[in-house]
């Protein structure tokens, strides 16, 4: 076998990672994966004050990097990671509206995170992955994920609290997303953020631009923007405090990627454990490359796992097509200008859903792994970690400050190990 698969052509049934459909169908499926990742990949940079065009561009570039590092054998799309939101907001003091004036500081921290993540990948490739599962068992990973969701909750509520109209639009957005997620048919159900957001956007235009109930959307920048043009690239600025604050997110990305690989292994019937280290390394390199140009940190996407589960098509070439489409979109200023017209209350409503799902994912991790909370070690670890994250406890370490996500992450890991039962 060569470094890359030969991708034998198949025309029906389950399509494995080393197989492909005819090119026409592959193109259509790649577009579907772009649509699946689109809502979340665009939402994350907007919430951090990043350029969404640039984020889309680097999600495509990152996906290609991941594809090459894993030898084209792990089907995955890399999109914007929500794990960075809380620490980026803390590091930059971003107020939630317009471009982030301190984006360079955030990018330096994201680069540091990618460097740590890539280093973990190298260690795993050399030593195996069992040590990660020992340090971060399901009770710890679930606690970290839950702490992120709780830490972000105040930001989501602030986004819909400006006025009665803003609150109404925000709650309408939540309802629209929920209706799509629960009642839509077929593949439409896989796109709740995108479709629910579009519905809320349309209602906002009707009520604000049409009837004058709220601040109207200004479409002039969209009309003035060019269809194609160079993306807005930003260089990182390496601030020690921001790097210490953001780098621990690597631990969350490890947990996300590990879960992704386990899920894909179960769906495809292939043992992908041998690619865990390379997957971490590929994601880490992709995150560093994104940080060098103004993109968000990236992670493997559950939305695209959902598409694979529905279609039963796992060909890795589909993700090459999806990445190419994303890169093309990244070179369209008109596309970026349109994204920036999304009203704040709609973003706030989407945030409530997304941040809530992040928190709820903790419960899913615990249930699927049958974490026993009758055991005091598990109960104390989860309780303390969630409280540290929700309360946003900041620890001063010399000239550095570790925010709530960091204290929750390290607190859960350290506490779990300290509470080991001693031999009788």
Protein backbone atom coordinates (compact mmCIF):
# COMPACT_ATOMS: atom_id res chain seq x y z
CA UNK A 1 0.00 0.00 0.00
CA UNK A 2 1.20 3.49 -0.83
CA UNK A 3 1.06 6.47 1.50
CA UNK A 4 -2.30 7.46 -0.03
CA UNK A 5 -5.08 5.01 -0.94
CA UNK A 6 -5.89 4.06 -4.55
CA UNK A 7 -9.61 4.90 -4.06
CA UNK A 8 -11.34 2.17 -5.99
CA UNK A 9 -14.54 3.36 -7.70
CA UNK A 10 -17.83 1.94 -6.37
CA UNK A 11 -21.33 2.87 -7.48
CA UNK A 12 -23.61 1.77 -4.64
CA UNK A 13 -23.74 0.53 -1.05
CA UNK A 14 -21.39 1.60 1.72
CA UNK A 15 -18.37 3.53 0.46
CA UNK A 16 -15.25 3.09 2.60
CA UNK A 17 -12.48 5.65 3.23
CA UNK A 18 -10.26 4.07 0.55
CA UNK A 19 -13.06 4.02 -2.05
CA UNK A 20 -14.86 6.72 -4.01
CA UNK A 21 -17.99 7.35 -6.02
CA UNK A 22 -17.90 8.73 -9.60
CA UNK A 23 -16.62 12.31 -9.65
CA UNK A 24 -20.00 13.93 -10.18
CA UNK A 25 -21.43 12.33 -7.05
CA UNK A 26 -18.22 13.04 -5.13
CA UNK A 27 -18.56 16.73 -5.97
CA UNK A 28 -22.17 16.82 -4.79
CA UNK A 29 -21.30 15.07 -1.54
CA UNK A 30 -18.39 17.46 -0.95
CA UNK A 31 -20.80 20.37 -1.27
CA UNK A 32 -23.12 18.72 1.24
CA UNK A 33 -20.27 18.51 3.76
CA UNK A 34 -19.54 22.21 3.24
CA UNK A 35 -23.17 22.99 4.03
CA UNK A 36 -23.04 20.77 7.11
CA UNK A 37 -20.02 22.50 8.62
CA UNK A 38 -20.95 25.97 7.45
CA UNK A 39 -23.20 27.18 10.27
CA UNK A 40 -20.84 26.36 13.13
CA UNK A 41 -17.65 27.25 11.25
CA UNK A 42 -19.01 30.73 10.49
CA UNK A 43 -20.61 31.28 13.90
CA UNK A 44 -17.43 30.70 15.93
CA UNK A 45 -15.33 33.45 14.27
CA UNK A 46 -18.23 35.91 14.46
CA UNK A 47 -18.49 35.36 18.21
CA UNK A 48 -14.76 36.01 18.60
CA UNK A 49 -14.56 39.00 16.23
CA UNK A 50 -12.59 37.11 13.57
CA UNK A 51 -13.12 37.45 9.82
CA UNK A 52 -15.47 34.60 8.81
CA UNK A 53 -14.08 34.53 5.27
CA UNK A 54 -10.62 33.89 6.62
CA UNK A 55 -11.92 31.21 8.99
CA UNK A 56 -13.66 29.41 6.12
CA UNK A 57 -10.49 29.62 4.03
CA UNK A 58 -8.33 28.10 6.75
CA UNK A 59 -10.89 25.42 7.54
CA UNK A 60 -10.40 24.23 3.97
CA UNK A 61 -6.62 24.50 4.16
CA UNK A 62 -6.63 22.75 7.54
CA UNK A 63 -8.74 19.90 6.19
CA UNK A 64 -6.23 19.34 3.38
CA UNK A 65 -3.34 19.38 5.89
CA UNK A 66 -5.14 16.80 8.03
CA UNK A 67 -5.84 14.68 4.94
CA UNK A 68 -2.14 14.61 4.00
CA UNK A 69 -0.85 13.91 7.53
CA UNK A 70 -3.19 10.91 8.04
CA UNK A 71 -2.41 9.59 4.58
CA UNK A 72 -5.96 10.09 3.33
CA UNK A 73 -7.30 7.32 5.56
CA UNK A 74 -9.35 9.19 8.19
CA UNK A 75 -12.53 10.88 6.84
CA UNK A 76 -12.80 14.23 8.61
CA UNK A 77 -13.49 17.92 8.09
CA UNK A 78 -11.75 20.49 10.29
CA UNK A 79 -13.87 23.51 11.21
CA UNK A 80 -13.76 26.32 13.77
CA UNK A 81 -13.55 25.03 17.33
CA UNK A 82 -15.91 26.52 19.92
CA UNK A 83 -13.45 25.50 22.64
CA UNK A 84 -11.46 28.67 21.88
CA UNK A 85 -14.28 31.16 22.34
CA UNK A 86 -14.13 31.70 26.10
CA UNK A 87 -10.34 31.96 26.32
CA UNK A 88 -10.10 34.22 23.25
CA UNK A 89 -12.69 36.58 24.73
CA UNK A 90 -10.82 36.61 28.02
CA UNK A 91 -7.44 37.18 26.37
CA UNK A 92 -8.61 39.98 24.06
CA UNK A 93 -11.37 41.68 26.04
CA UNK A 94 -13.59 41.52 22.95
CA UNK A 95 -16.95 43.21 23.46
CA UNK A 96 -18.96 41.14 21.00
CA UNK A 97 -19.47 43.61 18.14
CA UNK A 98 -17.42 44.13 14.96
CA UNK A 99 -13.80 43.13 14.37
CA UNK A 100 -11.67 42.08 17.33
CA UNK A 101 -9.04 44.80 17.80
CA UNK A 102 -6.74 42.38 19.66
CA UNK A 103 -7.02 39.50 17.23
CA UNK A 104 -3.22 39.27 16.95
CA UNK A 105 -2.94 38.41 20.64
CA UNK A 106 -5.56 35.68 20.23
CA UNK A 107 -3.76 34.26 17.20
CA UNK A 108 -0.51 34.00 19.17
CA UNK A 109 -2.34 31.97 21.81
CA UNK A 110 -4.02 29.79 19.20
CA UNK A 111 -0.62 29.10 17.61
CA UNK A 112 0.73 28.06 21.04
CA UNK A 113 -2.26 25.75 21.45
CA UNK A 114 -1.60 24.15 18.06
CA UNK A 115 2.05 23.69 18.98
CA UNK A 116 1.13 21.89 22.22
CA UNK A 117 -1.48 19.83 20.37
CA UNK A 118 1.00 18.83 17.68
CA UNK A 119 3.57 17.88 20.33
CA UNK A 120 0.99 15.64 22.00
CA UNK A 121 0.38 14.06 18.60
CA UNK A 122 4.09 13.29 18.18
CA UNK A 123 4.26 11.70 21.63
CA UNK A 124 1.18 9.60 20.92
CA UNK A 125 2.62 8.50 17.57
CA UNK A 126 5.78 7.33 19.35
CA UNK A 127 4.35 5.96 22.62
CA UNK A 128 0.75 5.02 21.84
CA UNK A 129 -2.50 6.57 23.07
CA UNK A 130 -3.30 4.61 26.24
CA UNK A 131 -1.67 7.21 28.50
CA UNK A 132 -4.15 9.84 27.29
CA UNK A 133 -7.08 7.66 28.30
CA UNK A 134 -5.45 7.20 31.72
CA UNK A 135 -4.98 10.94 32.28
CA UNK A 136 -8.31 11.93 30.74
CA UNK A 137 -10.92 9.23 31.33
CA UNK A 138 -14.55 9.98 30.34
CA UNK A 139 -15.41 11.62 33.67
CA UNK A 140 -12.61 14.16 33.14
CA UNK A 141 -13.26 14.84 29.45
CA UNK A 142 -16.97 15.23 30.13
CA UNK A 143 -16.25 17.66 32.94
CA UNK A 144 -13.98 19.78 30.74
CA UNK A 145 -16.55 19.94 27.95
CA UNK A 146 -19.34 20.77 30.41
CA UNK A 147 -17.26 23.52 32.00
CA UNK A 148 -16.77 25.15 28.60
CA UNK A 149 -20.51 25.23 27.95
CA UNK A 150 -21.27 26.72 31.37
CA UNK A 151 -18.47 29.25 31.07
CA UNK A 152 -19.90 30.52 27.77
CA UNK A 153 -23.51 30.77 28.96
CA UNK A 154 -23.36 34.43 30.12
CA UNK A 155 -22.02 35.46 26.71
CA UNK A 156 -24.99 33.90 24.94
CA UNK A 157 -27.51 35.54 27.25
CA UNK A 158 -25.84 38.93 26.83
CA UNK A 159 -26.25 38.59 23.07
CA UNK A 160 -30.06 38.69 23.27
CA UNK A 161 -30.47 41.07 26.20
CA UNK A 162 -30.10 44.47 24.52
CA UNK A 163 -33.83 45.17 24.13
CA UNK A 164 -37.21 43.48 24.08
CA UNK A 165 -36.96 43.12 20.31
CA UNK A 166 -33.50 41.55 20.59
CA UNK A 167 -34.73 39.09 23.20
CA UNK A 168 -37.72 38.13 21.06
CA UNK A 169 -35.53 37.55 17.98
CA UNK A 170 -33.04 35.55 20.04
CA UNK A 171 -35.72 33.27 21.45
CA UNK A 172 -37.28 32.92 17.99
CA UNK A 173 -33.88 31.82 16.70
CA UNK A 174 -33.62 29.18 19.43
CA UNK A 175 -37.10 27.91 18.54
CA UNK A 176 -36.30 27.80 14.81
CA UNK A 177 -33.12 25.80 15.36
CA UNK A 178 -34.91 23.41 17.69
CA UNK A 179 -37.75 22.85 15.22
CA UNK A 180 -35.32 21.98 12.42
CA UNK A 181 -33.29 19.68 14.68
CA UNK A 182 -36.36 17.78 15.87
CA UNK A 183 -38.94 17.92 13.07
CA UNK A 184 -37.08 18.35 9.77
CA UNK A 185 -36.88 15.36 7.45
CA UNK A 186 -33.85 13.49 6.19
CA UNK A 187 -30.59 15.37 5.74
CA UNK A 188 -32.29 18.69 6.54
CA UNK A 189 -32.28 17.65 10.19
CA UNK A 190 -28.48 17.67 10.08
CA UNK A 191 -28.43 21.44 9.38
CA UNK A 192 -30.26 23.04 12.31
CA UNK A 193 -27.82 25.94 12.83
CA UNK A 194 -27.81 26.88 9.15
CA UNK A 195 -31.55 26.50 8.47
CA UNK A 196 -32.73 27.86 11.82
CA UNK A 197 -30.39 30.82 11.45
CA UNK A 198 -31.67 31.53 7.93
CA UNK A 199 -35.28 31.45 9.13
CA UNK A 200 -34.54 33.86 12.00
CA UNK A 201 -32.56 36.11 9.64
CA UNK A 202 -35.54 36.32 7.28
CA UNK A 203 -37.90 37.21 10.13
CA UNK A 204 -35.48 39.90 11.34
CA UNK A 205 -35.33 41.46 7.86
CA UNK A 206 -39.13 41.48 7.70
CA UNK A 207 -39.60 43.03 11.15
CA UNK A 208 -36.63 45.43 11.16
CA UNK A 209 -36.07 46.44 7.55
CA UNK A 210 -39.70 46.07 6.55
CA UNK A 211 -41.73 47.16 9.58
CA UNK A 212 -39.19 49.18 11.56
CA UNK A 213 -39.32 47.25 14.83
CA UNK A 214 -35.54 47.15 15.21
CA UNK A 215 -32.25 48.39 13.74
CA UNK A 216 -32.33 47.56 10.00
CA UNK A 217 -29.63 45.54 8.28
CA UNK A 218 -27.40 47.61 5.99
CA UNK A 219 -26.91 45.67 2.76
CA UNK A 220 -24.80 48.40 1.10
CA UNK A 221 -21.46 46.71 2.03
CA UNK A 222 -22.69 43.49 0.40
CA UNK A 223 -23.55 45.30 -2.83
CA UNK A 224 -20.20 47.07 -2.85
CA UNK A 225 -18.06 43.99 -2.13
CA UNK A 226 -16.30 42.21 -4.97
CA UNK A 227 -17.20 38.65 -5.86
CA UNK A 228 -13.56 37.57 -5.68
CA UNK A 229 -10.60 39.07 -3.88
CA UNK A 230 -7.75 38.38 -1.48
CA UNK A 231 -8.75 37.37 2.08
CA UNK A 232 -7.95 39.57 5.08
CA UNK A 233 -4.89 37.97 6.64
CA UNK A 234 -3.66 38.89 10.13
CA UNK A 235 -0.35 37.98 11.73
CA UNK A 236 -0.19 36.64 15.30
CA UNK A 237 1.28 38.58 18.19
CA UNK A 238 2.91 36.40 20.82
CA UNK A 239 1.82 37.61 24.26
CA UNK A 240 2.91 35.32 27.09
CA UNK A 241 -0.23 35.70 29.18
CA UNK A 242 -2.54 35.02 26.25
CA UNK A 243 -0.50 31.98 25.25
CA UNK A 244 -0.72 30.50 28.75
CA UNK A 245 -4.45 31.18 28.79
CA UNK A 246 -5.25 29.67 25.37
CA UNK A 247 -2.73 26.81 25.07
CA UNK A 248 -4.60 24.47 27.50
CA UNK A 249 -7.43 24.24 24.95
CA UNK A 250 -5.20 21.61 23.33
CA UNK A 251 -6.46 19.18 25.97
CA UNK A 252 -10.05 19.77 24.84
CA UNK A 253 -9.07 19.30 21.19
CA UNK A 254 -7.41 16.00 22.10
CA UNK A 255 -10.65 14.82 23.70
CA UNK A 256 -12.72 15.98 20.70
CA UNK A 257 -10.44 14.34 18.15
CA UNK A 258 -10.20 11.10 20.10
CA UNK A 259 -13.99 10.91 20.28
CA UNK A 260 -14.23 11.63 16.55
CA UNK A 261 -11.85 8.80 15.68
CA UNK A 262 -13.70 6.35 17.91
CA UNK A 263 -16.99 7.29 16.26
CA UNK A 264 -15.61 6.94 12.73
CA UNK A 265 -14.01 3.60 13.66
CA UNK A 266 -17.39 2.31 14.84
CA UNK A 267 -19.17 3.51 11.69
CA UNK A 268 -16.62 2.21 9.18
CA UNK A 269 -15.70 -1.00 10.98
CA UNK A 270 -12.02 -0.06 10.74
CA UNK A 271 -9.59 0.19 13.63
CA UNK A 272 -8.16 3.72 13.40
CA UNK A 273 -6.19 3.64 16.65
CA UNK A 274 -2.96 3.60 14.66
CA UNK A 275 -3.82 7.02 13.25
CA UNK A 276 -4.60 8.77 16.54
CA UNK A 277 -1.17 10.36 16.88
CA UNK A 278 -1.13 11.47 13.25
CA UNK A 279 -4.66 12.86 13.58
CA UNK A 280 -3.61 14.95 16.59
CA UNK A 281 -0.52 16.12 14.72
CA UNK A 282 -2.50 17.03 11.60
CA UNK A 283 -5.05 18.99 13.61
CA UNK A 284 -2.27 20.73 15.53
CA UNK A 285 -0.44 21.77 12.36
CA UNK A 286 -3.71 22.97 10.83
CA UNK A 287 -4.39 25.10 13.92
CA UNK A 288 -0.91 26.65 13.77
CA UNK A 289 -1.26 27.45 10.06
CA UNK A 290 -4.66 29.05 10.68
CA UNK A 291 -3.20 31.16 13.48
CA UNK A 292 -0.47 32.46 11.18
CA UNK A 293 -3.05 34.01 8.86
CA UNK A 294 -6.00 35.05 11.01
CA UNK A 295 -8.07 31.87 11.15
CA UNK A 296 -9.62 30.24 14.19
CA UNK A 297 -8.29 27.10 15.82
CA UNK A 298 -9.80 24.03 14.15
CA UNK A 299 -11.14 20.68 15.23
CA UNK A 300 -12.80 17.61 13.75
CA UNK A 301 -16.51 18.23 13.18
CA UNK A 302 -19.42 16.22 14.55
CA UNK A 303 -21.72 17.75 11.91
CA UNK A 304 -19.79 15.92 9.21
CA UNK A 305 -19.89 12.67 11.18
CA UNK A 306 -23.66 13.04 11.05
CA UNK A 307 -23.61 13.37 7.27
CA UNK A 308 -21.46 10.24 7.00
CA UNK A 309 -23.81 8.35 9.30
CA UNK A 310 -26.78 9.23 7.10
CA UNK A 311 -25.15 8.68 3.70
CA UNK A 312 -22.85 5.78 4.70
CA UNK A 313 -20.25 7.30 2.42
CA UNK A 314 -16.88 7.62 4.14
CA UNK A 315 -14.62 8.32 1.16
CA UNK A 316 -11.84 10.68 2.19
CA UNK A 317 -11.81 12.22 -1.30
CA UNK A 318 -15.19 13.79 -0.49
CA UNK A 319 -13.42 15.90 2.13
CA UNK A 320 -10.79 17.02 -0.37
CA UNK A 321 -13.64 18.36 -2.53
CA UNK A 322 -15.27 20.02 0.51
CA UNK A 323 -11.97 21.65 1.43
CA UNK A 324 -11.50 22.99 -2.10
CA UNK A 325 -15.00 24.52 -2.08
CA UNK A 326 -14.31 26.18 1.29
CA UNK A 327 -11.07 27.67 -0.02
CA UNK A 328 -12.91 29.16 -2.99
CA UNK A 329 -15.50 30.71 -0.65
CA UNK A 330 -12.66 32.18 1.39
CA UNK A 331 -11.66 34.26 -1.63
CA UNK A 332 -15.09 35.89 -1.99
CA UNK A 333 -15.40 39.27 -0.16
CA UNK A 334 -19.09 39.42 -1.10
CA UNK A 335 -19.65 36.15 0.70
CA UNK A 336 -17.89 37.53 3.78
CA UNK A 337 -19.84 40.80 3.67
CA UNK A 338 -23.10 38.87 3.58
CA UNK A 339 -22.11 36.86 6.66
CA UNK A 340 -21.33 40.07 8.54
CA UNK A 341 -24.94 41.23 8.09
CA UNK A 342 -26.18 38.54 10.48
CA UNK A 343 -27.91 40.51 13.29
CA UNK A 344 -26.58 40.33 16.84
CA UNK A 345 -29.81 38.87 18.32
CA UNK A 346 -29.74 36.05 15.76
CA UNK A 347 -26.13 35.30 16.71
CA UNK A 348 -27.15 35.40 20.36
CA UNK A 349 -29.93 32.89 19.78
CA UNK A 350 -27.61 30.58 17.87
CA UNK A 351 -25.10 30.91 20.71
CA UNK A 352 -27.66 29.79 23.28
CA UNK A 353 -28.25 26.60 21.30
CA UNK A 354 -24.60 25.88 20.49
CA UNK A 355 -23.24 26.65 23.95
CA UNK A 356 -26.07 24.68 25.51
CA UNK A 357 -25.25 21.69 23.32
CA UNK A 358 -21.61 21.92 24.36
CA UNK A 359 -22.65 21.69 27.99
CA UNK A 360 -25.11 18.88 27.27
CA UNK A 361 -22.40 16.93 25.47
CA UNK A 362 -20.81 16.37 28.88
CA UNK A 363 -23.84 14.34 29.90
CA UNK A 364 -23.67 12.36 26.69
CA UNK A 365 -20.01 11.51 27.30
CA UNK A 366 -20.80 10.33 30.82
CA UNK A 367 -23.82 8.27 29.79
CA UNK A 368 -22.20 6.61 26.78
CA UNK A 369 -19.17 5.65 28.88
CA UNK A 370 -21.28 4.62 31.88
CA UNK A 371 -19.51 6.89 34.34
CA UNK A 372 -20.50 5.83 37.86
CA UNK A 373 -21.33 8.91 39.93
CA UNK A 374 -21.94 6.75 42.97
CA UNK A 375 -18.14 6.69 43.13
CA UNK A 376 -16.99 9.70 45.13
CA UNK A 377 -13.91 10.22 42.97
CA UNK A 378 -16.03 10.79 39.87
CA UNK A 379 -18.63 12.90 41.63
CA UNK A 380 -16.11 15.25 43.26
CA UNK A 381 -14.06 15.62 40.08
CA UNK A 382 -17.11 16.56 38.00
CA UNK A 383 -18.66 18.82 40.63
CA UNK A 384 -15.51 20.82 41.28
CA UNK A 385 -14.57 21.11 37.60
CA UNK A 386 -18.02 22.32 36.54
CA UNK A 387 -18.11 24.91 39.32
CA UNK A 388 -14.67 26.25 38.43
CA UNK A 389 -15.73 26.66 34.83
CA UNK A 390 -19.17 28.13 35.50
CA UNK A 391 -17.79 30.55 38.08
CA UNK A 392 -14.89 31.49 35.78
CA UNK A 393 -12.31 31.24 38.55
CA UNK A 394 -9.09 32.97 37.46
CA UNK A 395 -5.79 32.01 39.04
CA UNK A 396 -2.87 34.45 39.07
CA UNK A 397 0.40 32.69 38.32
CA UNK A 398 3.11 35.30 38.63
CA UNK A 399 2.47 37.66 35.75
CA UNK A 400 -0.03 35.29 34.14
CA UNK A 401 -3.71 34.67 34.69
CA UNK A 402 -5.40 31.31 34.09
CA UNK A 403 -9.12 31.71 33.34
CA UNK A 404 -12.07 29.53 34.23
CA UNK A 405 -11.64 27.08 31.35
CA UNK A 406 -7.99 26.53 32.26
CA UNK A 407 -8.65 26.08 35.97
CA UNK A 408 -11.51 23.68 35.23
CA UNK A 409 -9.36 21.68 32.81
CA UNK A 410 -6.29 21.33 35.00
CA UNK A 411 -8.40 21.10 38.16
CA UNK A 412 -10.35 18.10 36.84
CA UNK A 413 -7.22 16.32 35.59
CA UNK A 414 -5.20 16.88 38.77
CA UNK A 415 -8.05 16.21 41.19
CA UNK A 416 -8.95 12.93 39.51
CA UNK A 417 -5.38 11.69 39.82
CA UNK A 418 -5.07 12.85 43.44
CA UNK A 419 -8.21 10.95 44.40
CA UNK A 420 -6.88 7.57 43.32
CA UNK A 421 -7.64 4.88 45.88
CA UNK A 422 -4.60 3.86 47.87
CA UNK A 423 -3.83 0.14 48.17
CA UNK A 424 -5.14 -1.33 51.41
